[in-house]
């Protein structure tokens, strides 16, 4: 975050994972647009094909818990609370 704070904001883009999962093509388009790049037709088609051929849940759902990794909400908040709050990812918990 220190490097980011010293750099031009335009050099970075934030894509919320939940939005990416909900609409990967839209996320890819926003990345290209942010950096003023054109998404080539062949890349667009490859991404479209990949998303169509690999729908979410095709191979089952993955569910993870903090307990599986020996973590607690307090530990996560202590380590990542500033990041989580800054980018409004989840409410920080103690």
N, C-alpha and C. Protein backbone atom coordinates (compact mmCIF):
# COMPACT_ATOMS: atom_id res chain seq x y z
N UNK A 1 0.83 -1.18 0.00
CA UNK A 1 0.00 0.00 0.00
C UNK A 1 0.88 1.25 0.00
N UNK A 2 2.07 1.16 0.59
CA UNK A 2 2.97 2.32 0.61
C UNK A 2 3.40 2.67 -0.81
N UNK A 3 3.73 1.68 -1.62
CA UNK A 3 4.12 1.93 -3.01
C UNK A 3 2.94 2.53 -3.76
N UNK A 4 1.79 1.99 -3.54
CA UNK A 4 0.59 2.50 -4.20
C UNK A 4 0.34 3.95 -3.83
N UNK A 5 0.53 4.28 -2.56
CA UNK A 5 0.31 5.65 -2.11
C UNK A 5 1.29 6.64 -2.73
N UNK A 6 2.46 6.16 -3.10
CA UNK A 6 3.47 7.03 -3.71
C UNK A 6 3.35 7.09 -5.24
N UNK A 7 2.50 6.26 -5.80
CA UNK A 7 2.38 6.13 -7.24
C UNK A 7 1.12 6.82 -7.77
N UNK A 8 1.10 6.97 -9.07
CA UNK A 8 -0.08 7.54 -9.71
C UNK A 8 -1.24 6.54 -9.62
N UNK A 9 -2.38 7.04 -9.24
CA UNK A 9 -3.55 6.18 -9.06
C UNK A 9 -3.92 5.40 -10.32
N UNK A 10 -3.66 6.00 -11.48
CA UNK A 10 -4.04 5.37 -12.75
C UNK A 10 -3.27 4.08 -13.02
N UNK A 11 -2.17 3.86 -12.30
CA UNK A 11 -1.36 2.67 -12.52
C UNK A 11 -1.99 1.42 -11.90
N UNK A 12 -3.08 1.61 -11.16
CA UNK A 12 -3.70 0.50 -10.44
C UNK A 12 -5.19 0.42 -10.77
N UNK A 13 -5.69 -0.79 -10.69
CA UNK A 13 -7.12 -1.00 -10.79
C UNK A 13 -7.49 -2.06 -9.75
N UNK A 14 -8.62 -1.88 -9.15
CA UNK A 14 -9.11 -2.84 -8.16
C UNK A 14 -10.33 -3.53 -8.73
N UNK A 15 -10.27 -4.84 -8.72
CA UNK A 15 -11.39 -5.64 -9.18
C UNK A 15 -11.86 -6.47 -8.00
N UNK A 16 -13.08 -6.25 -7.58
CA UNK A 16 -13.65 -7.03 -6.48
C UNK A 16 -13.84 -8.47 -6.95
N UNK A 17 -13.32 -9.40 -6.18
CA UNK A 17 -13.40 -10.81 -6.56
C UNK A 17 -14.83 -11.24 -6.82
N UNK A 18 -15.75 -10.77 -5.98
CA UNK A 18 -17.16 -11.17 -6.14
C UNK A 18 -17.70 -10.68 -7.48
N UNK A 19 -17.31 -9.47 -7.89
CA UNK A 19 -17.75 -8.95 -9.18
C UNK A 19 -17.09 -9.72 -10.32
N UNK A 20 -15.82 -10.07 -10.13
CA UNK A 20 -15.10 -10.85 -11.14
C UNK A 20 -15.77 -12.19 -11.37
N UNK A 21 -16.12 -12.87 -10.29
CA UNK A 21 -16.75 -14.17 -10.39
C UNK A 21 -18.14 -14.05 -11.03
N UNK A 22 -18.85 -13.00 -10.68
CA UNK A 22 -20.20 -12.81 -11.22
C UNK A 22 -20.19 -12.52 -12.71
N UNK A 23 -19.18 -11.78 -13.19
CA UNK A 23 -19.14 -11.40 -14.61
C UNK A 23 -17.68 -11.21 -15.05
N UNK A 24 -16.97 -12.31 -15.31
CA UNK A 24 -15.55 -12.22 -15.65
C UNK A 24 -15.27 -11.38 -16.90
N UNK A 25 -16.14 -11.45 -17.89
CA UNK A 25 -15.90 -10.68 -19.11
C UNK A 25 -15.97 -9.18 -18.81
N UNK A 26 -16.94 -8.80 -18.03
CA UNK A 26 -17.06 -7.38 -17.67
C UNK A 26 -15.81 -6.92 -16.91
N UNK A 27 -15.30 -7.77 -16.03
CA UNK A 27 -14.08 -7.42 -15.29
C UNK A 27 -12.91 -7.25 -16.25
N UNK A 28 -12.75 -8.17 -17.19
CA UNK A 28 -11.66 -8.07 -18.17
C UNK A 28 -11.80 -6.79 -18.99
N UNK A 29 -13.01 -6.50 -19.42
CA UNK A 29 -13.23 -5.28 -20.20
C UNK A 29 -12.88 -4.04 -19.39
N UNK A 30 -13.21 -4.04 -18.10
CA UNK A 30 -12.91 -2.87 -17.28
C UNK A 30 -11.40 -2.70 -17.10
N UNK A 31 -10.67 -3.79 -17.03
CA UNK A 31 -9.21 -3.72 -16.92
C UNK A 31 -8.63 -3.10 -18.19
N UNK A 32 -9.03 -3.60 -19.32
CA UNK A 32 -8.53 -3.05 -20.60
C UNK A 32 -8.90 -1.58 -20.73
N UNK A 33 -10.14 -1.25 -20.40
CA UNK A 33 -10.60 0.14 -20.50
C UNK A 33 -9.80 1.04 -19.56
N UNK A 34 -9.57 0.58 -18.34
CA UNK A 34 -8.83 1.38 -17.36
C UNK A 34 -7.45 1.76 -17.87
N UNK A 35 -6.79 0.82 -18.53
CA UNK A 35 -5.44 1.08 -19.02
C UNK A 35 -5.43 1.57 -20.47
N UNK A 36 -6.61 1.98 -20.94
CA UNK A 36 -6.76 2.55 -22.28
C UNK A 36 -6.23 1.61 -23.35
N UNK A 37 -6.59 0.35 -23.22
CA UNK A 37 -6.19 -0.68 -24.18
C UNK A 37 -7.43 -1.24 -24.85
N UNK A 38 -7.24 -1.70 -26.06
CA UNK A 38 -8.35 -2.34 -26.77
C UNK A 38 -8.26 -3.83 -26.54
N UNK A 39 -9.39 -4.43 -26.20
CA UNK A 39 -9.43 -5.88 -26.03
C UNK A 39 -9.55 -6.50 -27.43
N UNK A 40 -8.48 -7.16 -27.89
CA UNK A 40 -8.51 -7.72 -29.24
C UNK A 40 -9.63 -8.75 -29.41
N UNK A 41 -10.16 -8.81 -30.60
CA UNK A 41 -11.29 -9.71 -30.87
C UNK A 41 -10.96 -11.16 -30.53
N UNK A 42 -9.74 -11.61 -30.84
CA UNK A 42 -9.40 -13.00 -30.55
C UNK A 42 -9.30 -13.25 -29.04
N UNK A 43 -8.80 -12.28 -28.31
CA UNK A 43 -8.73 -12.41 -26.85
C UNK A 43 -10.13 -12.39 -26.26
N UNK A 44 -10.98 -11.51 -26.77
CA UNK A 44 -12.38 -11.46 -26.31
C UNK A 44 -13.05 -12.80 -26.53
N UNK A 45 -12.84 -13.38 -27.72
CA UNK A 45 -13.47 -14.67 -28.02
C UNK A 45 -12.91 -15.77 -27.13
N UNK A 46 -11.61 -15.76 -26.89
CA UNK A 46 -11.00 -16.78 -26.02
C UNK A 46 -11.55 -16.67 -24.60
N UNK A 47 -11.70 -15.45 -24.11
CA UNK A 47 -12.25 -15.25 -22.77
C UNK A 47 -13.71 -15.70 -22.71
N UNK A 48 -14.47 -15.33 -23.73
CA UNK A 48 -15.88 -15.72 -23.80
C UNK A 48 -16.00 -17.24 -23.83
N UNK A 49 -15.18 -17.89 -24.65
CA UNK A 49 -15.21 -19.35 -24.73
C UNK A 49 -14.83 -19.99 -23.39
N UNK A 50 -13.81 -19.45 -22.76
CA UNK A 50 -13.37 -20.01 -21.48
C UNK A 50 -14.47 -19.91 -20.43
N UNK A 51 -15.09 -18.75 -20.35
CA UNK A 51 -16.16 -18.55 -19.37
C UNK A 51 -17.33 -19.49 -19.67
N UNK A 52 -17.66 -19.64 -20.94
CA UNK A 52 -18.76 -20.53 -21.31
C UNK A 52 -18.45 -21.99 -21.01
N UNK A 53 -17.21 -22.39 -21.23
CA UNK A 53 -16.82 -23.78 -21.05
C UNK A 53 -16.45 -24.13 -19.61
N UNK A 54 -16.33 -23.12 -18.77
CA UNK A 54 -15.95 -23.36 -17.38
C UNK A 54 -16.87 -22.58 -16.43
N UNK A 55 -18.16 -22.90 -16.44
CA UNK A 55 -19.08 -22.17 -15.57
C UNK A 55 -18.75 -22.41 -14.10
N UNK A 56 -19.07 -21.42 -13.31
CA UNK A 56 -18.85 -21.54 -11.87
C UNK A 56 -19.62 -22.74 -11.33
N UNK A 57 -18.94 -23.55 -10.54
CA UNK A 57 -19.56 -24.72 -9.96
C UNK A 57 -19.51 -25.96 -10.83
N UNK A 58 -18.91 -25.86 -12.00
CA UNK A 58 -18.85 -27.00 -12.92
C UNK A 58 -18.25 -28.23 -12.24
N UNK A 59 -17.26 -28.01 -11.40
CA UNK A 59 -16.59 -29.12 -10.72
C UNK A 59 -16.89 -29.13 -9.23
N UNK A 60 -18.01 -28.55 -8.84
CA UNK A 60 -18.38 -28.50 -7.44
C UNK A 60 -18.00 -27.16 -6.83
N UNK A 61 -18.43 -26.97 -5.62
CA UNK A 61 -18.16 -25.71 -4.92
C UNK A 61 -16.99 -25.90 -3.95
N UNK A 62 -16.22 -24.85 -3.80
CA UNK A 62 -15.14 -24.85 -2.83
C UNK A 62 -15.55 -23.92 -1.70
N UNK A 63 -15.54 -24.44 -0.52
CA UNK A 63 -15.89 -23.65 0.64
C UNK A 63 -14.72 -23.70 1.61
N UNK A 64 -14.31 -22.55 2.09
CA UNK A 64 -13.19 -22.47 2.99
C UNK A 64 -13.61 -21.74 4.26
N UNK A 65 -12.99 -22.12 5.36
CA UNK A 65 -13.23 -21.43 6.61
C UNK A 65 -11.89 -21.01 7.20
N UNK A 66 -11.92 -19.99 8.03
CA UNK A 66 -10.70 -19.55 8.69
C UNK A 66 -10.14 -20.67 9.56
N UNK A 67 -11.02 -21.42 10.21
CA UNK A 67 -10.58 -22.52 11.08
C UNK A 67 -9.71 -23.53 10.36
N UNK A 68 -10.01 -23.79 9.09
CA UNK A 68 -9.22 -24.75 8.33
C UNK A 68 -7.75 -24.35 8.26
N UNK A 69 -7.49 -23.08 8.39
CA UNK A 69 -6.12 -22.58 8.26
C UNK A 69 -5.58 -22.05 9.59
N UNK A 70 -6.27 -22.39 10.66
CA UNK A 70 -5.82 -21.98 11.98
C UNK A 70 -5.92 -20.48 12.20
N UNK A 71 -6.86 -19.84 11.54
CA UNK A 71 -7.04 -18.40 11.66
C UNK A 71 -8.31 -18.06 12.43
N UNK A 72 -8.33 -16.85 12.94
CA UNK A 72 -9.52 -16.32 13.60
C UNK A 72 -9.86 -14.99 12.96
N UNK A 73 -11.10 -14.54 13.11
CA UNK A 73 -11.44 -13.20 12.58
C UNK A 73 -10.53 -12.12 13.17
N UNK A 74 -10.17 -12.25 14.43
CA UNK A 74 -9.29 -11.26 15.05
C UNK A 74 -7.91 -11.25 14.38
N UNK A 75 -7.36 -12.43 14.10
CA UNK A 75 -6.04 -12.51 13.45
C UNK A 75 -6.07 -11.86 12.07
N UNK A 76 -7.13 -12.13 11.32
CA UNK A 76 -7.26 -11.55 9.98
C UNK A 76 -7.39 -10.03 10.08
N UNK A 77 -8.23 -9.59 10.99
CA UNK A 77 -8.43 -8.15 11.18
C UNK A 77 -7.13 -7.46 11.60
N UNK A 78 -6.38 -8.11 12.48
CA UNK A 78 -5.11 -7.52 12.93
C UNK A 78 -4.13 -7.36 11.79
N UNK A 79 -4.07 -8.36 10.92
CA UNK A 79 -3.11 -8.33 9.81
C UNK A 79 -3.59 -7.51 8.62
N UNK A 80 -4.87 -7.64 8.32
CA UNK A 80 -5.39 -7.08 7.06
C UNK A 80 -6.46 -6.01 7.25
N UNK A 81 -6.74 -5.64 8.48
CA UNK A 81 -7.82 -4.69 8.76
C UNK A 81 -7.71 -3.39 7.99
N UNK A 82 -6.51 -2.82 7.92
CA UNK A 82 -6.33 -1.55 7.21
C UNK A 82 -6.65 -1.72 5.72
N UNK A 83 -6.18 -2.80 5.14
CA UNK A 83 -6.43 -3.09 3.72
C UNK A 83 -7.93 -3.32 3.48
N UNK A 84 -8.52 -4.13 4.33
CA UNK A 84 -9.95 -4.45 4.20
C UNK A 84 -10.80 -3.19 4.29
N UNK A 85 -10.50 -2.34 5.26
CA UNK A 85 -11.27 -1.11 5.42
C UNK A 85 -11.01 -0.13 4.29
N UNK A 86 -9.76 0.01 3.88
CA UNK A 86 -9.42 0.95 2.82
C UNK A 86 -10.16 0.64 1.53
N UNK A 87 -10.23 -0.63 1.20
CA UNK A 87 -10.85 -1.02 -0.06
C UNK A 87 -12.28 -1.54 0.11
N UNK A 88 -12.82 -1.33 1.33
CA UNK A 88 -14.21 -1.67 1.62
C UNK A 88 -14.57 -3.09 1.20
N UNK A 89 -13.70 -4.03 1.58
CA UNK A 89 -13.92 -5.42 1.20
C UNK A 89 -14.92 -6.12 2.12
N UNK A 90 -14.69 -6.02 3.38
CA UNK A 90 -15.57 -6.61 4.39
C UNK A 90 -15.43 -5.76 5.63
N UNK A 91 -16.42 -5.74 6.46
CA UNK A 91 -16.23 -5.00 7.72
C UNK A 91 -15.14 -5.70 8.54
N UNK A 92 -14.20 -4.93 9.04
CA UNK A 92 -13.15 -5.50 9.90
C UNK A 92 -13.77 -5.92 11.20
N UNK A 93 -13.33 -7.07 11.70
CA UNK A 93 -13.85 -7.59 12.97
C UNK A 93 -12.70 -7.74 13.95
N UNK A 94 -13.04 -7.63 15.23
CA UNK A 94 -12.04 -7.86 16.28
C UNK A 94 -12.16 -9.26 16.83
